[in-house]
Amino acid sequence: QPLGGHPPPPILEYEELAELDFGDWAGRPVASVRGQEWPEDGESLEDFWQRTKTAWHETLKLLDKGEGKNILVVGHGATHAAFVCHCLGLGPQAISLFRIETGGVTIMDFPDGALKGKGVLRSINYHSHLGRWSVPATQEDYTDVCGIDGCF
């Protein structure tokens, strides 16, 4: 349905944007698995990294083709963190440095073009638009759950 007289934007789905598969850890509190070996039935970090890298490059190609000045990517926390790492030219080990909350918005810019150089983060994990439903800012305010909040 048109918004403000404009046709709706195209919607593309990438299986590569699926959340990291936590295996047996899915849905468990992070505190209950901290210090344990990664579950055998969970997706390896390398497989996850390669999968998100594919989606990242497809997104950059769309930007480069000029099929949209702005692209909205919707995904889970680990996927979002992987995109931040791809944008900044970091490796998969850096994923755990970023905690992207539910509803968090990150804005990336590519001043030299989408396929040239690294991107620039204009905003990361912005969520004041959620008002009183905004996610707490400190670890003490909530309990992380694997598959929802992290475990990576």
C-alpha atoms as a PDB file:
ATOM      1  CA  GLN A   1       0.000   0.000   0.000  1.00  0.00           C
ATOM      2  CA  PRO A   2       1.432   3.429  -0.924  1.00  0.00           C
ATOM      3  CA  LEU A   3       2.828   5.542   1.883  1.00  0.00           C
ATOM      4  CA  GLY A   4       2.397   9.268   1.365  1.00  0.00           C
ATOM      5  CA  GLY A   5       1.766   8.677  -2.339  1.00  0.00           C
ATOM      6  CA  HIS A   6       4.931   6.609  -2.759  1.00  0.00           C
ATOM      7  CA  PRO A   7       4.961   2.935  -3.665  1.00  0.00           C
ATOM      8  CA  PRO A   8       6.223   0.618  -0.938  1.00  0.00           C
ATOM      9  CA  PRO A   9       9.907  -0.246  -1.130  1.00  0.00           C
ATOM     10  CA  PRO A  10      10.918  -3.700  -2.320  1.00  0.00           C
ATOM     11  CA  ILE A  11      11.365  -6.297   0.407  1.00  0.00           C
ATOM     12  CA  LEU A  12      14.151  -8.821   0.013  1.00  0.00           C
ATOM     13  CA  GLU A  13      14.727 -11.756   2.325  1.00  0.00           C
ATOM     14  CA  TYR A  14      18.149 -13.266   2.911  1.00  0.00           C
ATOM     15  CA  GLU A  15      18.416 -16.578   4.725  1.00  0.00           C
ATOM     16  CA  GLU A  16      21.947 -15.462   5.563  1.00  0.00           C
ATOM     17  CA  LEU A  17      20.474 -12.908   7.994  1.00  0.00           C
ATOM     18  CA  ALA A  18      19.122 -15.614  10.303  1.00  0.00           C
ATOM     19  CA  GLU A  19      20.276 -15.471  13.900  1.00  0.00           C
ATOM     20  CA  LEU A  20      23.298 -17.430  15.049  1.00  0.00           C
ATOM     21  CA  ASP A  21      22.163 -20.973  15.860  1.00  0.00           C
ATOM     22  CA  PHE A  22      22.846 -21.444  19.572  1.00  0.00           C
ATOM     23  CA  GLY A  23      21.927 -25.117  19.572  1.00  0.00           C
ATOM     24  CA  ASP A  24      21.104 -26.411  23.062  1.00  0.00           C
ATOM     25  CA  TRP A  25      21.842 -22.992  24.505  1.00  0.00           C
ATOM     26  CA  ALA A  26      18.883 -21.321  22.787  1.00  0.00           C
ATOM     27  CA  GLY A  27      16.554 -19.760  25.339  1.00  0.00           C
ATOM     28  CA  ARG A  28      18.851 -20.424  28.311  1.00  0.00           C
ATOM     29  CA  PRO A  29      20.089 -17.612  30.549  1.00  0.00           C
ATOM     30  CA  VAL A  30      23.626 -16.568  29.652  1.00  0.00           C
ATOM     31  CA  ALA A  31      24.711 -17.051  33.276  1.00  0.00           C
ATOM     32  CA  SER A  32      23.802 -20.761  33.046  1.00  0.00           C
ATOM     33  CA  VAL A  33      26.169 -21.392  30.107  1.00  0.00           C
ATOM     34  CA  ARG A  34      28.997 -18.943  30.843  1.00  0.00           C
ATOM     35  CA  GLY A  35      32.375 -20.708  30.832  1.00  0.00           C
ATOM     36  CA  GLN A  36      31.083 -23.809  29.027  1.00  0.00           C
ATOM     37  CA  GLU A  37      32.272 -25.091  25.669  1.00  0.00           C
ATOM     38  CA  TRP A  38      30.136 -24.001  22.708  1.00  0.00           C
ATOM     39  CA  PRO A  39      27.370 -26.604  22.142  1.00  0.00           C
ATOM     40  CA  GLU A  40      28.140 -29.219  19.494  1.00  0.00           C
ATOM     41  CA  ASP A  41      24.777 -28.633  17.826  1.00  0.00           C
ATOM     42  CA  GLY A  42      25.382 -24.864  17.628  1.00  0.00           C
ATOM     43  CA  GLU A  43      26.576 -23.042  14.513  1.00  0.00           C
ATOM     44  CA  SER A  44      30.297 -22.341  14.478  1.00  0.00           C
ATOM     45  CA  LEU A  45      31.417 -18.719  14.606  1.00  0.00           C
ATOM     46  CA  GLU A  46      33.281 -19.196  11.309  1.00  0.00           C
ATOM     47  CA  ASP A  47      30.152 -20.524   9.546  1.00  0.00           C
ATOM     48  CA  PHE A  48      28.099 -17.659  10.976  1.00  0.00           C
ATOM     49  CA  TRP A  49      30.742 -15.127   9.903  1.00  0.00           C
ATOM     50  CA  GLN A  50      30.833 -16.428   6.330  1.00  0.00           C
ATOM     51  CA  ARG A  51      27.031 -16.483   6.136  1.00  0.00           C
ATOM     52  CA  THR A  52      26.678 -12.885   7.323  1.00  0.00           C
ATOM     53  CA  LYS A  53      29.541 -11.827   5.047  1.00  0.00           C
ATOM     54  CA  THR A  54      27.500 -13.063   2.078  1.00  0.00           C
ATOM     55  CA  ALA A  55      24.483 -10.996   3.175  1.00  0.00           C
ATOM     56  CA  TRP A  56      26.759  -8.008   3.835  1.00  0.00           C
ATOM     57  CA  HIS A  57      28.191  -8.108   0.310  1.00  0.00           C
ATOM     58  CA  GLU A  58      24.722  -8.495  -1.229  1.00  0.00           C
ATOM     59  CA  THR A  59      23.587  -5.425   0.716  1.00  0.00           C
ATOM     60  CA  LEU A  60      26.608  -3.411  -0.444  1.00  0.00           C
ATOM     61  CA  LYS A  61      25.955  -4.425  -4.062  1.00  0.00           C
ATOM     62  CA  LEU A  62      22.380  -3.124  -3.794  1.00  0.00           C
ATOM     63  CA  LEU A  63      23.665   0.182  -2.458  1.00  0.00           C
ATOM     64  CA  ASP A  64      26.321   0.398  -5.152  1.00  0.00           C
ATOM     65  CA  LYS A  65      23.802  -0.268  -7.943  1.00  0.00           C
ATOM     66  CA  GLY A  66      21.830   2.696  -6.705  1.00  0.00           C
ATOM     67  CA  GLU A  67      18.746   0.601  -6.024  1.00  0.00           C
ATOM     68  CA  GLY A  68      18.190   2.635  -2.920  1.00  0.00           C
ATOM     69  CA  LYS A  69      19.819   5.542  -1.214  1.00  0.00           C
ATOM     70  CA  ASN A  70      18.790   3.982   2.061  1.00  0.00           C
ATOM     71  CA  ILE A  71      18.449   0.319   2.888  1.00  0.00           C
ATOM     72  CA  LEU A  72      16.825  -1.042   6.024  1.00  0.00           C
ATOM     73  CA  VAL A  73      18.214  -4.358   7.265  1.00  0.00           C
ATOM     74  CA  VAL A  74      16.273  -6.157   9.973  1.00  0.00           C
ATOM     75  CA  GLY A  75      17.974  -8.941  11.883  1.00  0.00           C
ATOM     76  CA  HIS A  76      18.864 -10.380  15.264  1.00  0.00           C
ATOM     77  CA  GLY A  77      21.489  -9.154  17.730  1.00  0.00           C
ATOM     78  CA  ALA A  78      24.415 -11.344  16.657  1.00  0.00           C
ATOM     79  CA  THR A  79      23.643 -10.718  12.981  1.00  0.00           C
ATOM     80  CA  HIS A  80      23.473  -6.989  13.625  1.00  0.00           C
ATOM     81  CA  ALA A  81      26.798  -7.126  15.509  1.00  0.00           C
ATOM     82  CA  ALA A  82      28.359  -9.066  12.612  1.00  0.00           C
ATOM     83  CA  PHE A  83      27.222  -6.340  10.177  1.00  0.00           C
ATOM     84  CA  VAL A  84      28.844  -3.705  12.406  1.00  0.00           C
ATOM     85  CA  CYS A  85      32.088  -5.717  12.316  1.00  0.00           C
ATOM     86  CA  HIS A  86      31.913  -6.131   8.530  1.00  0.00           C
ATOM     87  CA  CYS A  87      31.305  -2.376   8.189  1.00  0.00           C
ATOM     88  CA  LEU A  88      34.341  -1.494  10.287  1.00  0.00           C
ATOM     89  CA  GLY A  89      36.625  -4.110   8.762  1.00  0.00           C
ATOM     90  CA  LEU A  90      36.845  -6.107  11.998  1.00  0.00           C
ATOM     91  CA  GLY A  91      37.014  -9.884  12.257  1.00  0.00           C
ATOM     92  CA  PRO A  92      34.571 -12.387  13.752  1.00  0.00           C
ATOM     93  CA  GLN A  93      36.241 -12.267  17.175  1.00  0.00           C
ATOM     94  CA  ALA A  94      34.975  -8.688  17.539  1.00  0.00           C
ATOM     95  CA  ILE A  95      31.291  -9.690  17.347  1.00  0.00           C
ATOM     96  CA  SER A  96      31.158 -10.187  21.112  1.00  0.00           C
ATOM     97  CA  LEU A  97      32.260  -6.570  21.637  1.00  0.00           C
ATOM     98  CA  PHE A  98      28.897  -5.268  20.429  1.00  0.00           C
ATOM     99  CA  ARG A  99      25.590  -5.772  22.225  1.00  0.00           C
ATOM    100  CA  ILE A 100      22.705  -4.780  19.976  1.00  0.00           C
ATOM    101  CA  GLU A 101      19.386  -4.765  21.809  1.00  0.00           C
ATOM    102  CA  THR A 102      15.944  -5.623  20.472  1.00  0.00           C
ATOM    103  CA  GLY A 103      14.694  -2.677  18.437  1.00  0.00           C
ATOM    104  CA  GLY A 104      18.150  -1.070  18.355  1.00  0.00           C
ATOM    105  CA  VAL A 105      18.868   1.007  15.261  1.00  0.00           C
ATOM    106  CA  THR A 106      22.336   1.373  13.760  1.00  0.00           C
ATOM    107  CA  ILE A 107      23.025   3.823  10.954  1.00  0.00           C
ATOM    108  CA  MET A 108      25.928   3.167   8.614  1.00  0.00           C
ATOM    109  CA  ASP A 109      27.203   5.506   5.955  1.00  0.00           C
ATOM    110  CA  PHE A 110      29.557   4.884   3.045  1.00  0.00           C
ATOM    111  CA  PRO A 111      31.039   8.257   2.098  1.00  0.00           C
ATOM    112  CA  ASP A 112      33.427   6.716  -0.459  1.00  0.00           C
ATOM    113  CA  GLY A 113      30.790   4.415  -1.930  1.00  0.00           C
ATOM    114  CA  ALA A 114      29.409   1.111  -0.709  1.00  0.00           C
ATOM    115  CA  LEU A 115      32.096  -1.014  -2.360  1.00  0.00           C
ATOM    116  CA  LYS A 116      35.052   1.262  -1.549  1.00  0.00           C
ATOM    117  CA  GLY A 117      36.684   1.259   1.856  1.00  0.00           C
ATOM    118  CA  LYS A 118      35.089   0.882   5.237  1.00  0.00           C
ATOM    119  CA  GLY A 119      31.785   2.277   6.335  1.00  0.00           C
ATOM    120  CA  VAL A 120      31.193   4.840   9.055  1.00  0.00           C
ATOM    121  CA  LEU A 121      28.898   4.216  12.015  1.00  0.00           C
ATOM    122  CA  ARG A 122      26.678   7.266  12.489  1.00  0.00           C
ATOM    123  CA  SER A 123      24.700   5.653  15.300  1.00  0.00           C
ATOM    124  CA  ILE A 124      24.796   2.269  17.005  1.00  0.00           C
ATOM    125  CA  ASN A 125      22.080   0.553  19.043  1.00  0.00           C
ATOM    126  CA  TYR A 126      19.921   3.714  19.165  1.00  0.00           C
ATOM    127  CA  HIS A 127      16.595   2.925  20.777  1.00  0.00           C
ATOM    128  CA  SER A 128      15.218   6.011  22.479  1.00  0.00           C
ATOM    129  CA  HIS A 129      12.432   5.887  19.858  1.00  0.00           C
ATOM    130  CA  LEU A 130      10.983   3.069  21.977  1.00  0.00           C
ATOM    131  CA  GLY A 131      10.293   5.493  24.829  1.00  0.00           C
ATOM    132  CA  ARG A 132       9.455   3.742  28.067  1.00  0.00           C
ATOM    133  CA  TRP A 133       9.911   0.371  26.328  1.00  0.00           C
ATOM    134  CA  SER A 134      13.541   1.162  25.695  1.00  0.00           C
ATOM    135  CA  VAL A 135      16.008  -1.519  26.765  1.00  0.00           C
ATOM    136  CA  PRO A 136      17.875  -0.973  30.052  1.00  0.00           C
ATOM    137  CA  ALA A 137      21.377   0.379  29.695  1.00  0.00           C
ATOM    138  CA  THR A 138      23.215  -1.700  32.273  1.00  0.00           C
ATOM    139  CA  GLN A 139      23.813  -5.416  32.686  1.00  0.00           C
ATOM    140  CA  GLU A 140      22.362  -5.317  36.206  1.00  0.00           C
ATOM    141  CA  ASP A 141      18.989  -4.242  34.823  1.00  0.00           C
ATOM    142  CA  TYR A 142      18.222  -7.441  32.908  1.00  0.00           C
ATOM    143  CA  THR A 143      19.171 -11.062  32.294  1.00  0.00           C
ATOM    144  CA  ASP A 144      20.550 -12.023  28.873  1.00  0.00           C
ATOM    145  CA  VAL A 145      18.959 -15.031  27.183  1.00  0.00           C
ATOM    146  CA  CYS A 146      20.818 -17.036  24.532  1.00  0.00           C
ATOM    147  CA  GLY A 147      19.306 -16.523  21.103  1.00  0.00           C
ATOM    148  CA  ILE A 148      17.653 -13.291  22.141  1.00  0.00           C
ATOM    149  CA  ASP A 149      20.388 -11.203  23.726  1.00  0.00           C
ATOM    150  CA  GLY A 150      23.602 -12.896  22.882  1.00  0.00           C
ATOM    151  CA  CYS A 151      25.689 -15.758  24.238  1.00  0.00           C
ATOM    152  CA  PHE A 152      28.407 -14.892  21.783  1.00  0.00           C
END
